[in-house]
Amino acid sequence: MTFDPQPPTGTHIRLLAGHAGSGQPVFEVLPARPMRSGLFELTGSPGLVLGCAAGDVLRISDDGRFEVVGQGQNWCIQVAGLGRFGPKPFAALRDAVADLPGLAEAPPDLRFAVVTVGRAVGMSAVERVMDNWAAGIDGVEWWFGNADQSVLSA
């Protein structure tokens, strides 16, 4: 993995993940490092928000919408299933992506997972590892959370 997290700063940002059936906004809170002119560098990849990964530099509006103004060196791979993951499938995911090298994370209740992998590894290597891992788990799906991200200058 090419992203080296900064020391904890206690800064978190709130990004719009979508809207609930009631129309209410749903937000994901993520660790970040403040930068110049109201910009933030993500220090963790999102599990729900699409379009960014750890290492990206974001401009965030008051409503949680964001623009990637500097693309980092990482892919964000998001993983979800029909329910919660068990500890064994999550441990297998952690082990599988460690060889890329990558980092798999999940909330304590294992309702989803997120993998951060350096772009230099290449999509095909990530796809192979993720497909092999997912093949043994019923109802699991994974996707690149930031594959369609366009590169903008900072």
N, C-alpha and C. Protein backbone atom coordinates (compact mmCIF):
# COMPACT_ATOMS: atom_id res chain seq x y z
N MET A 1 0.85 -1.17 0.00
CA MET A 1 0.00 0.00 0.00
C MET A 1 0.89 1.22 0.00
N THR A 2 0.55 2.22 -0.76
CA THR A 2 1.41 3.39 -0.88
C THR A 2 1.04 4.51 0.07
N PHE A 3 -0.08 4.41 0.76
CA PHE A 3 -0.50 5.49 1.63
C PHE A 3 -0.01 5.24 3.05
N ASP A 4 0.71 6.19 3.59
CA ASP A 4 1.18 6.11 4.96
C ASP A 4 0.36 7.08 5.79
N PRO A 5 -0.56 6.58 6.64
CA PRO A 5 -1.43 7.47 7.39
C PRO A 5 -0.64 8.46 8.24
N GLN A 6 -1.15 9.65 8.33
CA GLN A 6 -0.56 10.67 9.18
C GLN A 6 -0.86 10.34 10.64
N PRO A 7 -0.09 10.88 11.57
CA PRO A 7 -0.42 10.67 12.98
C PRO A 7 -1.83 11.18 13.26
N PRO A 8 -2.53 10.56 14.20
CA PRO A 8 -3.90 11.01 14.49
C PRO A 8 -3.94 12.50 14.83
N THR A 9 -4.90 13.19 14.26
CA THR A 9 -5.04 14.62 14.53
C THR A 9 -6.35 14.93 15.23
N GLY A 10 -7.22 13.93 15.35
CA GLY A 10 -8.51 14.17 15.96
C GLY A 10 -9.49 14.83 15.02
N THR A 11 -9.10 15.05 13.75
CA THR A 11 -9.97 15.69 12.79
C THR A 11 -10.77 14.64 12.05
N HIS A 12 -12.06 14.89 11.95
CA HIS A 12 -12.93 14.03 11.16
C HIS A 12 -13.78 14.91 10.26
N ILE A 13 -14.13 14.37 9.11
CA ILE A 13 -14.99 15.09 8.19
C ILE A 13 -16.26 14.28 7.97
N ARG A 14 -17.30 14.96 7.56
CA ARG A 14 -18.60 14.31 7.34
C ARG A 14 -18.92 14.42 5.85
N LEU A 15 -19.03 13.25 5.19
CA LEU A 15 -19.31 13.23 3.76
C LEU A 15 -20.69 12.62 3.52
N LEU A 16 -21.39 13.15 2.53
CA LEU A 16 -22.70 12.65 2.15
C LEU A 16 -22.55 11.30 1.47
N ALA A 17 -23.20 10.28 2.05
CA ALA A 17 -23.15 8.93 1.48
C ALA A 17 -24.37 8.64 0.62
N GLY A 18 -25.44 9.40 0.80
CA GLY A 18 -26.67 9.18 0.05
C GLY A 18 -27.86 9.65 0.87
N HIS A 19 -29.02 9.11 0.55
CA HIS A 19 -30.25 9.48 1.26
C HIS A 19 -31.02 8.23 1.66
N ALA A 20 -31.58 8.26 2.84
CA ALA A 20 -32.41 7.17 3.33
C ALA A 20 -33.74 7.17 2.58
N GLY A 21 -34.51 6.12 2.73
CA GLY A 21 -35.82 6.03 2.09
C GLY A 21 -36.72 7.19 2.46
N SER A 22 -36.53 7.76 3.63
CA SER A 22 -37.32 8.90 4.09
C SER A 22 -36.88 10.20 3.44
N GLY A 23 -35.78 10.15 2.70
CA GLY A 23 -35.25 11.36 2.07
C GLY A 23 -34.19 12.06 2.91
N GLN A 24 -34.00 11.61 4.14
CA GLN A 24 -33.00 12.22 5.02
C GLN A 24 -31.59 11.87 4.53
N PRO A 25 -30.67 12.82 4.61
CA PRO A 25 -29.30 12.53 4.20
C PRO A 25 -28.63 11.52 5.15
N VAL A 26 -27.75 10.70 4.58
CA VAL A 26 -26.95 9.75 5.34
C VAL A 26 -25.50 10.16 5.17
N PHE A 27 -24.80 10.28 6.28
CA PHE A 27 -23.41 10.75 6.25
C PHE A 27 -22.48 9.67 6.76
N GLU A 28 -21.24 9.71 6.28
CA GLU A 28 -20.17 8.88 6.83
C GLU A 28 -19.12 9.82 7.38
N VAL A 29 -18.67 9.54 8.59
CA VAL A 29 -17.64 10.34 9.24
C VAL A 29 -16.31 9.62 9.05
N LEU A 30 -15.32 10.35 8.53
CA LEU A 30 -14.03 9.76 8.18
C LEU A 30 -12.88 10.57 8.76
N PRO A 31 -11.77 9.90 9.07
CA PRO A 31 -10.60 10.63 9.55
C PRO A 31 -9.95 11.41 8.41
N ALA A 32 -9.45 12.59 8.74
CA ALA A 32 -8.83 13.44 7.72
C ALA A 32 -7.79 14.34 8.37
N ARG A 33 -6.95 14.88 7.51
CA ARG A 33 -5.93 15.83 7.94
C ARG A 33 -6.23 17.16 7.27
N PRO A 34 -6.41 18.24 8.07
CA PRO A 34 -6.66 19.55 7.46
C PRO A 34 -5.45 20.01 6.65
N MET A 35 -5.77 20.68 5.54
CA MET A 35 -4.72 21.23 4.68
C MET A 35 -5.00 22.71 4.46
N ARG A 36 -4.37 23.28 3.49
CA ARG A 36 -4.53 24.70 3.19
C ARG A 36 -5.93 25.00 2.64
N SER A 37 -6.38 26.19 2.81
CA SER A 37 -7.59 26.72 2.16
C SER A 37 -8.82 25.82 2.28
N GLY A 38 -9.04 25.25 3.45
CA GLY A 38 -10.25 24.46 3.65
C GLY A 38 -10.26 23.11 2.97
N LEU A 39 -9.12 22.62 2.57
CA LEU A 39 -9.03 21.29 1.96
C LEU A 39 -8.66 20.26 3.03
N PHE A 40 -9.03 19.00 2.78
CA PHE A 40 -8.74 17.93 3.71
C PHE A 40 -8.18 16.73 2.96
N GLU A 41 -7.17 16.10 3.55
CA GLU A 41 -6.66 14.84 3.00
C GLU A 41 -7.27 13.70 3.82
N LEU A 42 -7.93 12.78 3.12
CA LEU A 42 -8.49 11.61 3.81
C LEU A 42 -7.37 10.75 4.35
N THR A 43 -7.50 10.29 5.58
CA THR A 43 -6.51 9.39 6.15
C THR A 43 -7.09 7.99 6.33
N GLY A 44 -8.32 7.78 5.85
CA GLY A 44 -8.95 6.48 5.86
C GLY A 44 -9.92 6.39 4.69
N SER A 45 -10.02 5.22 4.08
CA SER A 45 -10.95 5.04 2.96
C SER A 45 -12.38 4.84 3.47
N PRO A 46 -13.37 5.34 2.74
CA PRO A 46 -14.76 5.19 3.16
C PRO A 46 -15.33 3.80 2.88
N GLY A 47 -16.26 3.41 3.72
CA GLY A 47 -16.96 2.15 3.51
C GLY A 47 -18.29 2.33 2.82
N LEU A 48 -18.80 3.56 2.80
CA LEU A 48 -20.11 3.85 2.21
C LEU A 48 -20.06 4.88 1.10
N VAL A 49 -19.27 5.90 1.27
CA VAL A 49 -19.19 7.00 0.30
C VAL A 49 -18.43 6.53 -0.93
N LEU A 50 -18.92 6.87 -2.10
CA LEU A 50 -18.26 6.55 -3.36
C LEU A 50 -17.45 7.73 -3.86
N GLY A 51 -16.38 7.45 -4.59
CA GLY A 51 -15.65 8.50 -5.30
C GLY A 51 -14.37 8.97 -4.65
N CYS A 52 -13.93 8.36 -3.55
CA CYS A 52 -12.70 8.81 -2.91
C CYS A 52 -12.04 7.66 -2.16
N ALA A 53 -10.78 7.87 -1.79
CA ALA A 53 -10.00 6.87 -1.05
C ALA A 53 -9.01 7.59 -0.15
N ALA A 54 -8.44 6.86 0.79
CA ALA A 54 -7.39 7.40 1.65
C ALA A 54 -6.30 8.01 0.76
N GLY A 55 -5.86 9.20 1.14
CA GLY A 55 -4.82 9.89 0.38
C GLY A 55 -5.36 10.95 -0.56
N ASP A 56 -6.66 10.92 -0.87
CA ASP A 56 -7.25 11.95 -1.74
C ASP A 56 -7.41 13.25 -0.97
N VAL A 57 -7.30 14.35 -1.70
CA VAL A 57 -7.52 15.68 -1.13
C VAL A 57 -8.90 16.15 -1.59
N LEU A 58 -9.72 16.56 -0.61
CA LEU A 58 -11.11 16.91 -0.88
C LEU A 58 -11.42 18.35 -0.50
N ARG A 59 -12.34 18.92 -1.27
CA ARG A 59 -13.00 20.18 -0.91
C ARG A 59 -14.43 19.78 -0.54
N ILE A 60 -14.88 20.16 0.64
CA ILE A 60 -16.16 19.69 1.16
C ILE A 60 -17.10 20.88 1.38
N SER A 61 -18.34 20.71 0.92
CA SER A 61 -19.34 21.75 1.14
C SER A 61 -20.06 21.48 2.46
N ASP A 62 -20.83 22.45 2.92
CA ASP A 62 -21.54 22.34 4.19
C ASP A 62 -22.53 21.19 4.22
N ASP A 63 -23.05 20.79 3.06
CA ASP A 63 -24.04 19.70 3.02
C ASP A 63 -23.39 18.32 2.90
N GLY A 64 -22.06 18.25 2.96
CA GLY A 64 -21.36 16.97 2.92
C GLY A 64 -20.95 16.51 1.53
N ARG A 65 -21.37 17.25 0.50
CA ARG A 65 -20.93 16.91 -0.85
C ARG A 65 -19.45 17.29 -0.97
N PHE A 66 -18.74 16.62 -1.84
CA PHE A 66 -17.30 16.87 -1.93
C PHE A 66 -16.82 16.79 -3.36
N GLU A 67 -15.66 17.35 -3.56
CA GLU A 67 -14.97 17.31 -4.84
C GLU A 67 -13.54 16.83 -4.56
N VAL A 68 -13.07 15.86 -5.31
CA VAL A 68 -11.69 15.41 -5.21
C VAL A 68 -10.85 16.39 -6.01
N VAL A 69 -9.98 17.12 -5.33
CA VAL A 69 -9.14 18.09 -6.01
C VAL A 69 -7.71 17.60 -6.16
N GLY A 70 -7.40 16.48 -5.54
CA GLY A 70 -6.09 15.85 -5.67
C GLY A 70 -6.23 14.36 -5.42
N GLN A 71 -6.02 13.58 -6.46
CA GLN A 71 -6.17 12.14 -6.34
C GLN A 71 -4.94 11.55 -5.67
N GLY A 72 -5.18 10.72 -4.67
CA GLY A 72 -4.09 10.02 -3.99
C GLY A 72 -3.66 8.79 -4.76
N GLN A 73 -2.91 7.96 -4.10
CA GLN A 73 -2.31 6.79 -4.74
C GLN A 73 -3.06 5.49 -4.47
N ASN A 74 -4.31 5.58 -3.96
CA ASN A 74 -5.00 4.38 -3.51
C ASN A 74 -6.32 4.09 -4.20
N TRP A 75 -6.61 2.79 -4.28
CA TRP A 75 -7.94 2.32 -4.63
C TRP A 75 -8.70 2.13 -3.32
N CYS A 76 -9.99 2.36 -3.37
CA CYS A 76 -10.90 2.05 -2.26
C CYS A 76 -11.81 0.92 -2.76
N ILE A 77 -11.74 -0.22 -2.11
CA ILE A 77 -12.59 -1.36 -2.48
C ILE A 77 -13.60 -1.54 -1.35
N GLN A 78 -14.87 -1.49 -1.68
CA GLN A 78 -15.92 -1.62 -0.69
C GLN A 78 -16.56 -2.99 -0.79
N VAL A 79 -16.89 -3.57 0.35
CA VAL A 79 -17.38 -4.94 0.42
C VAL A 79 -18.65 -4.97 1.27
N ALA A 80 -19.68 -5.65 0.78
CA ALA A 80 -20.91 -5.82 1.55
C ALA A 80 -21.49 -7.19 1.25
N GLY A 81 -22.36 -7.64 2.13
CA GLY A 81 -22.99 -8.94 1.94
C GLY A 81 -24.45 -8.89 2.31
N LEU A 82 -25.05 -10.06 2.35
CA LEU A 82 -26.47 -10.15 2.69
C LEU A 82 -26.72 -9.89 4.17
N GLY A 83 -25.72 -9.99 4.96
CA GLY A 83 -25.84 -9.74 6.40
C GLY A 83 -24.51 -9.20 6.88
N ARG A 84 -24.10 -9.68 8.01
CA ARG A 84 -22.80 -9.29 8.55
C ARG A 84 -21.79 -10.39 8.21
N PHE A 85 -20.53 -9.98 8.11
CA PHE A 85 -19.47 -10.95 7.91
C PHE A 85 -19.18 -11.62 9.24
N GLY A 86 -18.75 -12.84 9.18
CA GLY A 86 -18.23 -13.47 10.39
C GLY A 86 -16.77 -13.09 10.56
N PRO A 87 -16.23 -13.33 11.73
CA PRO A 87 -14.82 -13.02 11.97
C PRO A 87 -13.88 -13.80 11.04
N LYS A 88 -14.20 -15.05 10.71
CA LYS A 88 -13.32 -15.84 9.85
C LYS A 88 -13.25 -15.29 8.43
N PRO A 89 -14.41 -14.99 7.77
CA PRO A 89 -14.29 -14.39 6.43
C PRO A 89 -13.56 -13.05 6.43
N PHE A 90 -13.76 -12.25 7.49
CA PHE A 90 -13.05 -10.97 7.53
C PHE A 90 -11.55 -11.19 7.72
N ALA A 91 -11.18 -12.13 8.57
CA ALA A 91 -9.75 -12.45 8.76
C ALA A 91 -9.15 -12.94 7.44
N ALA A 92 -9.91 -13.75 6.69
CA ALA A 92 -9.43 -14.22 5.39
C ALA A 92 -9.24 -13.06 4.42
N LEU A 93 -10.14 -12.08 4.46
CA LEU A 93 -9.99 -10.89 3.62
C LEU A 93 -8.74 -10.11 4.01
N ARG A 94 -8.55 -9.90 5.30
CA ARG A 94 -7.36 -9.19 5.79
C ARG A 94 -6.09 -9.88 5.29
N ASP A 95 -6.06 -11.21 5.42
CA ASP A 95 -4.88 -11.97 4.98
C ASP A 95 -4.69 -11.88 3.47
N ALA A 96 -5.77 -11.99 2.72
CA ALA A 96 -5.69 -11.96 1.25
C ALA A 96 -5.15 -10.64 0.73
N VAL A 97 -5.62 -9.51 1.28
CA VAL A 97 -5.18 -8.22 0.75
C VAL A 97 -3.84 -7.78 1.31
N ALA A 98 -3.41 -8.39 2.41
CA ALA A 98 -2.11 -8.04 2.98
C ALA A 98 -0.98 -8.33 2.00
N ASP A 99 -1.17 -9.34 1.16
CA ASP A 99 -0.14 -9.72 0.19
C ASP A 99 -0.04 -8.75 -0.99
N LEU A 100 -1.01 -7.85 -1.17
CA LEU A 100 -0.99 -6.95 -2.34
C LEU A 100 0.09 -5.88 -2.28
N PRO A 101 0.43 -5.16 -1.32
CA PRO A 101 -0.10 -5.08 0.03
C PRO A 101 -1.31 -4.16 0.11
N GLY A 102 -2.18 -4.47 1.04
CA GLY A 102 -3.39 -3.67 1.26
C GLY A 102 -3.81 -3.77 2.71
N LEU A 103 -4.81 -2.99 3.05
CA LEU A 103 -5.33 -2.92 4.41
C LEU A 103 -6.83 -3.10 4.36
N ALA A 104 -7.35 -4.10 5.09
CA ALA A 104 -8.80 -4.32 5.20
C ALA A 104 -9.25 -3.85 6.57
N GLU A 105 -10.36 -3.08 6.59
CA GLU A 105 -10.91 -2.56 7.83
C GLU A 105 -12.41 -2.77 7.82
N ALA A 106 -12.99 -2.82 9.01
CA ALA A 106 -14.45 -2.97 9.15
C ALA A 106 -14.86 -2.44 10.52
N PRO A 107 -16.12 -2.01 10.63
CA PRO A 107 -16.60 -1.63 11.96
C PRO A 107 -16.70 -2.89 12.83
N PRO A 108 -16.77 -2.71 14.14
CA PRO A 108 -16.80 -3.87 15.05
C PRO A 108 -17.91 -4.87 14.74
N ASP A 109 -19.06 -4.40 14.23
CA ASP A 109 -20.16 -5.34 13.96
C ASP A 109 -20.03 -6.03 12.60
N LEU A 110 -18.98 -5.73 11.84
CA LEU A 110 -18.68 -6.36 10.54
C LEU A 110 -19.83 -6.28 9.54
N ARG A 111 -20.55 -5.17 9.53
CA ARG A 111 -21.67 -5.03 8.59
C ARG A 111 -21.20 -4.71 7.17
N PHE A 112 -19.97 -4.23 7.03
CA PHE A 112 -19.34 -4.00 5.74
C PHE A 112 -17.83 -3.98 5.97
N ALA A 113 -17.07 -3.95 4.89
CA ALA A 113 -15.61 -3.84 4.99
C ALA A 113 -15.13 -2.89 3.90
N VAL A 114 -13.96 -2.34 4.12
CA VAL A 114 -13.32 -1.48 3.13
C VAL A 114 -11.86 -1.89 3.05
N VAL A 115 -11.36 -1.92 1.82
CA VAL A 115 -9.97 -2.29 1.57
C VAL A 115 -9.29 -1.11 0.88
N THR A 116 -8.11 -0.76 1.35
CA THR A 116 -7.30 0.28 0.73
C THR A 116 -6.06 -0.39 0.15
N VAL A 117 -5.86 -0.18 -1.14
CA VAL A 117 -4.74 -0.79 -1.87
C VAL A 117 -4.13 0.27 -2.77
N GLY A 118 -2.83 0.31 -2.85
CA GLY A 118 -2.15 1.25 -3.74
C GLY A 118 -2.50 0.99 -5.20
N ARG A 119 -2.73 2.07 -5.94
CA ARG A 119 -3.06 1.95 -7.37
C ARG A 119 -1.95 1.25 -8.15
N ALA A 120 -0.73 1.34 -7.68
CA ALA A 120 0.40 0.73 -8.39
C ALA A 120 0.26 -0.79 -8.48
N VAL A 121 -0.52 -1.38 -7.60
CA VAL A 121 -0.75 -2.83 -7.62
C VAL A 121 -1.46 -3.23 -8.91
N GLY A 122 -2.33 -2.36 -9.40
CA GLY A 122 -3.08 -2.62 -10.62
C GLY A 122 -4.43 -3.24 -10.35
N MET A 123 -5.40 -2.88 -11.18
CA MET A 123 -6.77 -3.36 -11.01
C MET A 123 -6.87 -4.88 -11.15
N SER A 124 -6.16 -5.45 -12.09
CA SER A 124 -6.31 -6.89 -12.34
C SER A 124 -5.84 -7.70 -11.13
N ALA A 125 -4.78 -7.29 -10.46
CA ALA A 125 -4.31 -8.00 -9.27
C ALA A 125 -5.34 -7.88 -8.15
N VAL A 126 -5.91 -6.69 -7.98
CA VAL A 126 -6.94 -6.49 -6.96
C VAL A 126 -8.17 -7.34 -7.28
N GLU A 127 -8.59 -7.32 -8.53
CA GLU A 127 -9.77 -8.11 -8.94
C GLU A 127 -9.56 -9.59 -8.68
N ARG A 128 -8.38 -10.09 -8.99
CA ARG A 128 -8.08 -11.52 -8.79
C ARG A 128 -8.18 -11.88 -7.30
N VAL A 129 -7.55 -11.09 -6.45
CA VAL A 129 -7.57 -11.36 -5.01
C VAL A 129 -8.99 -11.26 -4.46
N MET A 130 -9.72 -10.22 -4.85
CA MET A 130 -11.07 -10.02 -4.31
C MET A 130 -12.03 -11.10 -4.82
N ASP A 131 -11.92 -11.46 -6.09
CA ASP A 131 -12.78 -12.51 -6.64
C ASP A 131 -12.52 -13.86 -5.96
N ASN A 132 -11.25 -14.18 -5.75
CA ASN A 132 -10.91 -15.44 -5.07
C ASN A 132 -11.46 -15.46 -3.66
N TRP A 133 -11.32 -14.35 -2.94
CA TRP A 133 -11.85 -14.28 -1.58
C TRP A 133 -13.38 -14.40 -1.58
N ALA A 134 -14.04 -13.64 -2.43
CA ALA A 134 -15.51 -13.60 -2.44
C ALA A 134 -16.13 -14.92 -2.91
N ALA A 135 -15.40 -15.71 -3.68
CA ALA A 135 -15.95 -16.96 -4.22
C ALA A 135 -16.38 -17.92 -3.11
N GLY A 136 -15.78 -17.82 -1.95
CA GLY A 136 -16.13 -18.73 -0.87
C GLY A 136 -17.18 -18.21 0.09
N ILE A 137 -17.81 -17.08 -0.24
CA ILE A 137 -18.75 -16.47 0.70
C ILE A 137 -20.06 -16.18 -0.02
N ASP A 138 -21.15 -16.77 0.44
CA ASP A 138 -22.47 -16.55 -0.16
C ASP A 138 -22.94 -15.11 0.03
N GLY A 139 -23.42 -14.51 -1.05
CA GLY A 139 -24.07 -13.20 -0.98
C GLY A 139 -23.14 -12.01 -0.85
N VAL A 140 -21.84 -12.20 -0.92
CA VAL A 140 -20.93 -11.07 -0.77
C VAL A 140 -20.71 -10.42 -2.14
N GLU A 141 -20.60 -9.11 -2.11
CA GLU A 141 -20.27 -8.34 -3.31
C GLU A 141 -19.17 -7.36 -2.97
N TRP A 142 -18.37 -7.01 -3.95
CA TRP A 142 -17.34 -6.00 -3.76
C TRP A 142 -17.27 -5.14 -5.01
N TRP A 143 -16.75 -3.92 -4.86
CA TRP A 143 -16.63 -3.00 -5.98
C TRP A 143 -15.56 -1.96 -5.66
N PHE A 144 -15.03 -1.37 -6.72
CA PHE A 144 -14.09 -0.25 -6.55
C PHE A 144 -14.91 0.99 -6.21
N GLY A 145 -14.71 1.55 -5.05
CA GLY A 145 -15.46 2.72 -4.62
C GLY A 145 -15.01 4.00 -5.28
N ASN A 146 -13.84 3.98 -5.93
CA ASN A 146 -13.35 5.20 -6.56
C ASN A 146 -12.79 4.96 -7.95
N ALA A 147 -13.24 3.92 -8.61
CA ALA A 147 -12.70 3.60 -9.95
C ALA A 147 -13.10 4.62 -11.01
N ASP A 148 -14.23 5.28 -10.86
CA ASP A 148 -14.68 6.25 -11.85
C ASP A 148 -14.23 7.66 -11.54
N GLN A 149 -13.42 7.80 -10.53
CA GLN A 149 -12.96 9.12 -10.08
C GLN A 149 -12.11 9.78 -11.15
N SER A 150 -12.41 11.02 -11.44
CA SER A 150 -11.59 11.75 -12.41
C SER A 150 -10.50 12.52 -11.68
N VAL A 151 -9.40 12.71 -12.34
CA VAL A 151 -8.28 13.40 -11.74
C VAL A 151 -8.43 14.90 -11.99
N LEU A 152 -8.40 15.64 -10.90
CA LEU A 152 -8.47 17.11 -10.97
C LEU A 152 -7.19 17.66 -10.36
N SER A 153 -6.76 18.78 -10.79
CA SER A 153 -5.55 19.37 -10.23
C SER A 153 -5.86 20.08 -8.91
N ALA A 154 -4.92 20.03 -8.02
CA ALA A 154 -5.09 20.68 -6.70
C ALA A 154 -4.86 22.16 -6.80
